[in-house]
Amino acid sequence: MERTDLSDRRFDVLLERLDRIGDELNRMNKRLDHDEHFVRLTRELASLNESLQALAYAALGTQAPQVRRRRDA
């Protein structure tokens, strides 16, 4: 009987650990999703900034300085 009780206790502890691991994986996945959206947002903002600068120079009637920008793929 003791062996069965010990096995049940170990099983319960194992299930608790698995639940905690599952919760941590869910938190990590949410964080990664958030980071991916943040990267996409920063790229869009960079593109918008370049467009706004081009419009500003066009409104002033001058040409923007020719600067070679690094493009991250």
PDB file of N, CA and C in Angstrom:
ATOM      1  N   MET A   1       0.824  -1.197   0.000  1.00  0.00           N
ATOM      2  CA  MET A   1       0.000   0.000   0.000  1.00  0.00           C
ATOM      3  C   MET A   1       0.862   1.252   0.000  1.00  0.00           C
ATOM      4  N   GLU A   2       1.948   1.231   0.724  1.00  0.00           N
ATOM      5  CA  GLU A   2       2.818   2.402   0.768  1.00  0.00           C
ATOM      6  C   GLU A   2       3.375   2.727  -0.615  1.00  0.00           C
ATOM      7  N   ARG A   3       3.710   1.698  -1.360  1.00  0.00           N
ATOM      8  CA  ARG A   3       4.274   1.912  -2.698  1.00  0.00           C
ATOM      9  C   ARG A   3       3.270   2.635  -3.590  1.00  0.00           C
ATOM     10  N   THR A   4       2.005   2.292  -3.516  1.00  0.00           N
ATOM     11  CA  THR A   4       0.968   2.940  -4.314  1.00  0.00           C
ATOM     12  C   THR A   4       0.796   4.395  -3.881  1.00  0.00           C
ATOM     13  N   ASP A   5       0.787   4.655  -2.586  1.00  0.00           N
ATOM     14  CA  ASP A   5       0.648   6.026  -2.100  1.00  0.00           C
ATOM     15  C   ASP A   5       1.819   6.883  -2.567  1.00  0.00           C
ATOM     16  N   LEU A   6       3.011   6.323  -2.499  1.00  0.00           N
ATOM     17  CA  LEU A   6       4.192   7.063  -2.930  1.00  0.00           C
ATOM     18  C   LEU A   6       4.119   7.343  -4.427  1.00  0.00           C
ATOM     19  N   SER A   7       3.668   6.367  -5.190  1.00  0.00           N
ATOM     20  CA  SER A   7       3.554   6.549  -6.636  1.00  0.00           C
ATOM     21  C   SER A   7       2.509   7.610  -6.961  1.00  0.00           C
ATOM     22  N   ASP A   8       1.389   7.592  -6.256  1.00  0.00           N
ATOM     23  CA  ASP A   8       0.365   8.614  -6.479  1.00  0.00           C
ATOM     24  C   ASP A   8       0.913   9.993  -6.135  1.00  0.00           C
ATOM     25  N   ARG A   9       1.659  10.082  -5.062  1.00  0.00           N
ATOM     26  CA  ARG A   9       2.231  11.372  -4.662  1.00  0.00           C
ATOM     27  C   ARG A   9       3.220  11.875  -5.703  1.00  0.00           C
ATOM     28  N   ARG A  10       4.071  10.962  -6.182  1.00  0.00           N
ATOM     29  CA  ARG A  10       5.031  11.348  -7.227  1.00  0.00           C
ATOM     30  C   ARG A  10       4.302  11.770  -8.495  1.00  0.00           C
ATOM     31  N   PHE A  11       3.249  11.066  -8.821  1.00  0.00           N
ATOM     32  CA  PHE A  11       2.466  11.415 -10.009  1.00  0.00           C
ATOM     33  C   PHE A  11       1.865  12.811  -9.863  1.00  0.00           C
ATOM     34  N   ASP A  12       1.320  13.127  -8.701  1.00  0.00           N
ATOM     35  CA  ASP A  12       0.752  14.457  -8.462  1.00  0.00           C
ATOM     36  C   ASP A  12       1.821  15.539  -8.568  1.00  0.00           C
ATOM     37  N   VAL A  13       3.002  15.267  -8.013  1.00  0.00           N
ATOM     38  CA  VAL A  13       4.098  16.242  -8.092  1.00  0.00           C
ATOM     39  C   VAL A  13       4.514  16.441  -9.542  1.00  0.00           C
ATOM     40  N   LEU A  14       4.586  15.356 -10.282  1.00  0.00           N
ATOM     41  CA  LEU A  14       4.949  15.438 -11.698  1.00  0.00           C
ATOM     42  C   LEU A  14       3.921  16.253 -12.481  1.00  0.00           C
ATOM     43  N   LEU A  15       2.641  16.024 -12.201  1.00  0.00           N
ATOM     44  CA  LEU A  15       1.592  16.798 -12.882  1.00  0.00           C
ATOM     45  C   LEU A  15       1.683  18.281 -12.544  1.00  0.00           C
ATOM     46  N   GLU A  16       1.983  18.601 -11.302  1.00  0.00           N
ATOM     47  CA  GLU A  16       2.133  20.010 -10.913  1.00  0.00           C
ATOM     48  C   GLU A  16       3.295  20.651 -11.651  1.00  0.00           C
ATOM     49  N   ARG A  17       4.387  19.934 -11.747  1.00  0.00           N
ATOM     50  CA  ARG A  17       5.550  20.468 -12.471  1.00  0.00           C
ATOM     51  C   ARG A  17       5.228  20.670 -13.948  1.00  0.00           C
ATOM     52  N   LEU A  18       4.551  19.690 -14.539  1.00  0.00           N
ATOM     53  CA  LEU A  18       4.169  19.826 -15.945  1.00  0.00           C
ATOM     54  C   LEU A  18       3.233  21.011 -16.157  1.00  0.00           C
ATOM     55  N   ASP A  19       2.320  21.231 -15.243  1.00  0.00           N
ATOM     56  CA  ASP A  19       1.432  22.394 -15.337  1.00  0.00           C
ATOM     57  C   ASP A  19       2.232  23.692 -15.287  1.00  0.00           C
ATOM     58  N   ARG A  20       3.204  23.770 -14.384  1.00  0.00           N
ATOM     59  CA  ARG A  20       4.038  24.979 -14.293  1.00  0.00           C
ATOM     60  C   ARG A  20       4.851  25.185 -15.557  1.00  0.00           C
ATOM     61  N   ILE A  21       5.386  24.087 -16.107  1.00  0.00           N
ATOM     62  CA  ILE A  21       6.148  24.187 -17.357  1.00  0.00           C
ATOM     63  C   ILE A  21       5.239  24.665 -18.486  1.00  0.00           C
ATOM     64  N   GLY A  22       4.028  24.119 -18.549  1.00  0.00           N
ATOM     65  CA  GLY A  22       3.076  24.556 -19.576  1.00  0.00           C
ATOM     66  C   GLY A  22       2.728  26.028 -19.441  1.00  0.00           C
ATOM     67  N   ASP A  23       2.529  26.488 -18.214  1.00  0.00           N
ATOM     68  CA  ASP A  23       2.236  27.915 -17.992  1.00  0.00           C
ATOM     69  C   ASP A  23       3.397  28.791 -18.433  1.00  0.00           C
ATOM     70  N   GLU A  24       4.621  28.366 -18.122  1.00  0.00           N
ATOM     71  CA  GLU A  24       5.802  29.142 -18.512  1.00  0.00           C
ATOM     72  C   GLU A  24       5.943  29.176 -20.035  1.00  0.00           C
ATOM     73  N   LEU A  25       5.678  28.061 -20.695  1.00  0.00           N
ATOM     74  CA  LEU A  25       5.729  28.040 -22.157  1.00  0.00           C
ATOM     75  C   LEU A  25       4.690  28.991 -22.758  1.00  0.00           C
ATOM     76  N   ASN A  26       3.507  29.040 -22.174  1.00  0.00           N
ATOM     77  CA  ASN A  26       2.487  29.981 -22.658  1.00  0.00           C
ATOM     78  C   ASN A  26       2.951  31.421 -22.507  1.00  0.00           C
ATOM     79  N   ARG A  27       3.559  31.741 -21.362  1.00  0.00           N
ATOM     80  CA  ARG A  27       4.077  33.098 -21.162  1.00  0.00           C
ATOM     81  C   ARG A  27       5.179  33.426 -22.163  1.00  0.00           C
ATOM     82  N   MET A  28       6.062  32.465 -22.416  1.00  0.00           N
ATOM     83  CA  MET A  28       7.147  32.689 -23.375  1.00  0.00           C
ATOM     84  C   MET A  28       6.602  32.897 -24.781  1.00  0.00           C
ATOM     85  N   ASN A  29       5.598  32.114 -25.162  1.00  0.00           N
ATOM     86  CA  ASN A  29       5.005  32.267 -26.494  1.00  0.00           C
ATOM     87  C   ASN A  29       4.347  33.636 -26.654  1.00  0.00           C
ATOM     88  N   LYS A  30       3.656  34.093 -25.622  1.00  0.00           N
ATOM     89  CA  LYS A  30       3.036  35.420 -25.684  1.00  0.00           C
ATOM     90  C   LYS A  30       4.094  36.504 -25.827  1.00  0.00           C
ATOM     91  N   ARG A  31       5.191  36.359 -25.078  1.00  0.00           N
ATOM     92  CA  ARG A  31       6.282  37.338 -25.152  1.00  0.00           C
ATOM     93  C   ARG A  31       6.899  37.353 -26.546  1.00  0.00           C
ATOM     94  N   LEU A  32       7.118  36.165 -27.136  1.00  0.00           N
ATOM     95  CA  LEU A  32       7.687  36.089 -28.477  1.00  0.00           C
ATOM     96  C   LEU A  32       6.748  36.695 -29.512  1.00  0.00           C
ATOM     97  N   ASP A  33       5.457  36.435 -29.380  1.00  0.00           N
ATOM     98  CA  ASP A  33       4.492  37.039 -30.296  1.00  0.00           C
ATOM     99  C   ASP A  33       4.543  38.555 -30.196  1.00  0.00           C
ATOM    100  N   HIS A  34       4.628  39.054 -28.974  1.00  0.00           N
ATOM    101  CA  HIS A  34       4.708  40.499 -28.761  1.00  0.00           C
ATOM    102  C   HIS A  34       5.979  41.058 -29.389  1.00  0.00           C
ATOM    103  N   ASP A  35       7.108  40.372 -29.218  1.00  0.00           N
ATOM    104  CA  ASP A  35       8.368  40.835 -29.791  1.00  0.00           C
ATOM    105  C   ASP A  35       8.320  40.852 -31.312  1.00  0.00           C
ATOM    106  N   GLU A  36       7.700  39.842 -31.922  1.00  0.00           N
ATOM    107  CA  GLU A  36       7.588  39.802 -33.375  1.00  0.00           C
ATOM    108  C   GLU A  36       6.760  40.975 -33.884  1.00  0.00           C
ATOM    109  N   HIS A  37       5.677  41.297 -33.194  1.00  0.00           N
ATOM    110  CA  HIS A  37       4.850  42.435 -33.593  1.00  0.00           C
ATOM    111  C   HIS A  37       5.627  43.742 -33.413  1.00  0.00           C
ATOM    112  N   PHE A  38       6.434  43.814 -32.375  1.00  0.00           N
ATOM    113  CA  PHE A  38       7.225  45.015 -32.131  1.00  0.00           C
ATOM    114  C   PHE A  38       8.245  45.223 -33.243  1.00  0.00           C
ATOM    115  N   VAL A  39       8.890  44.159 -33.699  1.00  0.00           N
ATOM    116  CA  VAL A  39       9.867  44.263 -34.783  1.00  0.00           C
ATOM    117  C   VAL A  39       9.173  44.739 -36.054  1.00  0.00           C
ATOM    118  N   ARG A  40       8.019  44.176 -36.352  1.00  0.00           N
ATOM    119  CA  ARG A  40       7.265  44.581 -37.544  1.00  0.00           C
ATOM    120  C   ARG A  40       6.865  46.051 -37.446  1.00  0.00           C
ATOM    121  N   LEU A  41       6.446  46.464 -36.254  1.00  0.00           N
ATOM    122  CA  LEU A  41       6.039  47.845 -36.042  1.00  0.00           C
ATOM    123  C   LEU A  41       7.209  48.807 -36.234  1.00  0.00           C
ATOM    124  N   THR A  42       8.389  48.460 -35.735  1.00  0.00           N
ATOM    125  CA  THR A  42       9.549  49.343 -35.896  1.00  0.00           C
ATOM    126  C   THR A  42       9.944  49.470 -37.356  1.00  0.00           C
ATOM    127  N   ARG A  43       9.819  48.395 -38.127  1.00  0.00           N
ATOM    128  CA  ARG A  43      10.112  48.478 -39.568  1.00  0.00           C
ATOM    129  C   ARG A  43       9.127  49.404 -40.270  1.00  0.00           C
ATOM    130  N   GLU A  44       7.853  49.266 -39.912  1.00  0.00           N
ATOM    131  CA  GLU A  44       6.833  50.125 -40.517  1.00  0.00           C
ATOM    132  C   GLU A  44       7.073  51.597 -40.156  1.00  0.00           C
ATOM    133  N   LEU A  45       7.441  51.855 -38.906  1.00  0.00           N
ATOM    134  CA  LEU A  45       7.721  53.230 -38.487  1.00  0.00           C
ATOM    135  C   LEU A  45       8.928  53.802 -39.213  1.00  0.00           C
ATOM    136  N   ALA A  46       9.954  52.989 -39.434  1.00  0.00           N
ATOM    137  CA  ALA A  46      11.131  53.449 -40.169  1.00  0.00           C
ATOM    138  C   ALA A  46      10.748  53.816 -41.601  1.00  0.00           C
ATOM    139  N   SER A  47       9.915  52.984 -42.205  1.00  0.00           N
ATOM    140  CA  SER A  47       9.460  53.259 -43.568  1.00  0.00           C
ATOM    141  C   SER A  47       8.615  54.534 -43.610  1.00  0.00           C
ATOM    142  N   LEU A  48       7.740  54.688 -42.649  1.00  0.00           N
ATOM    143  CA  LEU A  48       6.909  55.889 -42.567  1.00  0.00           C
ATOM    144  C   LEU A  48       7.767  57.134 -42.368  1.00  0.00           C
ATOM    145  N   ASN A  49       8.787  57.032 -41.532  1.00  0.00           N
ATOM    146  CA  ASN A  49       9.685  58.151 -41.290  1.00  0.00           C
ATOM    147  C   ASN A  49      10.388  58.575 -42.579  1.00  0.00           C
ATOM    148  N   GLU A  50      10.871  57.609 -43.358  1.00  0.00           N
ATOM    149  CA  GLU A  50      11.521  57.942 -44.630  1.00  0.00           C
ATOM    150  C   GLU A  50      10.543  58.631 -45.578  1.00  0.00           C
ATOM    151  N   SER A  51       9.320  58.153 -45.629  1.00  0.00           N
ATOM    152  CA  SER A  51       8.317  58.758 -46.505  1.00  0.00           C
ATOM    153  C   SER A  51       7.998  60.186 -46.070  1.00  0.00           C
ATOM    154  N   LEU A  52       7.868  60.388 -44.767  1.00  0.00           N
ATOM    155  CA  LEU A  52       7.577  61.732 -44.271  1.00  0.00           C
ATOM    156  C   LEU A  52       8.736  62.692 -44.542  1.00  0.00           C
ATOM    157  N   GLN A  53       9.954  62.209 -44.430  1.00  0.00           N
ATOM    158  CA  GLN A  53      11.106  63.057 -44.738  1.00  0.00           C
ATOM    159  C   GLN A  53      11.114  63.438 -46.212  1.00  0.00           C
ATOM    160  N   ALA A  54      10.804  62.495 -47.084  1.00  0.00           N
ATOM    161  CA  ALA A  54      10.750  62.786 -48.522  1.00  0.00           C
ATOM    162  C   ALA A  54       9.665  63.816 -48.816  1.00  0.00           C
ATOM    163  N   LEU A  55       8.511  63.697 -48.161  1.00  0.00           N
ATOM    164  CA  LEU A  55       7.432  64.668 -48.356  1.00  0.00           C
ATOM    165  C   LEU A  55       7.827  66.057 -47.847  1.00  0.00           C
ATOM    166  N   ALA A  56       8.526  66.089 -46.725  1.00  0.00           N
ATOM    167  CA  ALA A  56       8.948  67.371 -46.172  1.00  0.00           C
ATOM    168  C   ALA A  56       9.915  68.081 -47.114  1.00  0.00           C
ATOM    169  N   TYR A  57      10.873  67.342 -47.658  1.00  0.00           N
ATOM    170  CA  TYR A  57      11.813  67.952 -48.602  1.00  0.00           C
ATOM    171  C   TYR A  57      11.105  68.380 -49.879  1.00  0.00           C
ATOM    172  N   ALA A  58      10.129  67.603 -50.329  1.00  0.00           N
ATOM    173  CA  ALA A  58       9.372  67.961 -51.527  1.00  0.00           C
ATOM    174  C   ALA A  58       8.577  69.239 -51.282  1.00  0.00           C
ATOM    175  N   ALA A  59       8.019  69.382 -50.095  1.00  0.00           N
ATOM    176  CA  ALA A  59       7.251  70.583 -49.766  1.00  0.00           C
ATOM    177  C   ALA A  59       8.152  71.808 -49.707  1.00  0.00           C
ATOM    178  N   LEU A  60       9.390  71.618 -49.295  1.00  0.00           N
ATOM    179  CA  LEU A  60      10.343  72.725 -49.235  1.00  0.00           C
ATOM    180  C   LEU A  60      10.938  73.050 -50.599  1.00  0.00           C
ATOM    181  N   GLY A  61      10.721  72.165 -51.552  1.00  0.00           N
ATOM    182  CA  GLY A  61      11.245  72.393 -52.887  1.00  0.00           C
ATOM    183  C   GLY A  61      12.721  72.051 -52.994  1.00  0.00           C
ATOM    184  N   THR A  62      13.229  71.287 -52.092  1.00  0.00           N
ATOM    185  CA  THR A  62      14.627  70.867 -52.152  1.00  0.00           C
ATOM    186  C   THR A  62      14.690  69.354 -52.177  1.00  0.00           C
ATOM    187  N   GLN A  63      15.860  68.888 -52.546  1.00  0.00           N
ATOM    188  CA  GLN A  63      16.040  67.444 -52.603  1.00  0.00           C
ATOM    189  C   GLN A  63      16.688  66.966 -51.309  1.00  0.00           C
ATOM    190  N   ALA A  64      16.265  65.832 -50.878  1.00  0.00           N
ATOM    191  CA  ALA A  64      16.838  65.254 -49.658  1.00  0.00           C
ATOM    192  C   ALA A  64      18.295  64.876 -49.896  1.00  0.00           C
ATOM    193  N   PRO A  65      19.100  64.919 -48.867  1.00  0.00           N
ATOM    194  CA  PRO A  65      20.489  64.491 -49.027  1.00  0.00           C
ATOM    195  C   PRO A  65      20.550  63.023 -49.438  1.00  0.00           C
ATOM    196  N   GLN A  66      21.489  62.720 -50.291  1.00  0.00           N
ATOM    197  CA  GLN A  66      21.648  61.342 -50.748  1.00  0.00           C
ATOM    198  C   GLN A  66      22.468  60.569 -49.726  1.00  0.00           C
ATOM    199  N   VAL A  67      21.790  59.752 -48.978  1.00  0.00           N
ATOM    200  CA  VAL A  67      22.433  58.959 -47.937  1.00  0.00           C
ATOM    201  C   VAL A  67      22.134  57.499 -48.214  1.00  0.00           C
ATOM    202  N   ARG A  68      23.169  56.688 -48.220  1.00  0.00           N
ATOM    203  CA  ARG A  68      22.956  55.258 -48.400  1.00  0.00           C
ATOM    204  C   ARG A  68      22.641  54.659 -47.043  1.00  0.00           C
ATOM    205  N   ARG A  69      21.506  54.046 -46.976  1.00  0.00           N
ATOM    206  CA  ARG A  69      21.049  53.473 -45.720  1.00  0.00           C
ATOM    207  C   ARG A  69      21.268  51.969 -45.740  1.00  0.00           C
ATOM    208  N   ARG A  70      21.577  51.454 -44.572  1.00  0.00           N
ATOM    209  CA  ARG A  70      21.689  50.001 -44.425  1.00  0.00           C
ATOM    210  C   ARG A  70      20.289  49.426 -44.353  1.00  0.00           C
ATOM    211  N   ARG A  71      20.067  48.397 -45.093  1.00  0.00           N
ATOM    212  CA  ARG A  71      18.769  47.716 -45.065  1.00  0.00           C
ATOM    213  C   ARG A  71      18.952  46.373 -44.384  1.00  0.00           C
ATOM    214  N   ASP A  72      18.182  46.158 -43.335  1.00  0.00           N
ATOM    215  CA  ASP A  72      18.195  44.860 -42.648  1.00  0.00           C
ATOM    216  C   ASP A  72      17.160  43.984 -43.312  1.00  0.00           C
ATOM    217  N   ALA A  73      17.557  42.814 -43.709  1.00  0.00           N
ATOM    218  CA  ALA A  73      16.616  41.909 -44.383  1.00  0.00           C
ATOM    219  C   ALA A  73      15.687  41.241 -43.429  1.00  0.00           C
TER     220      ALA A  73
END
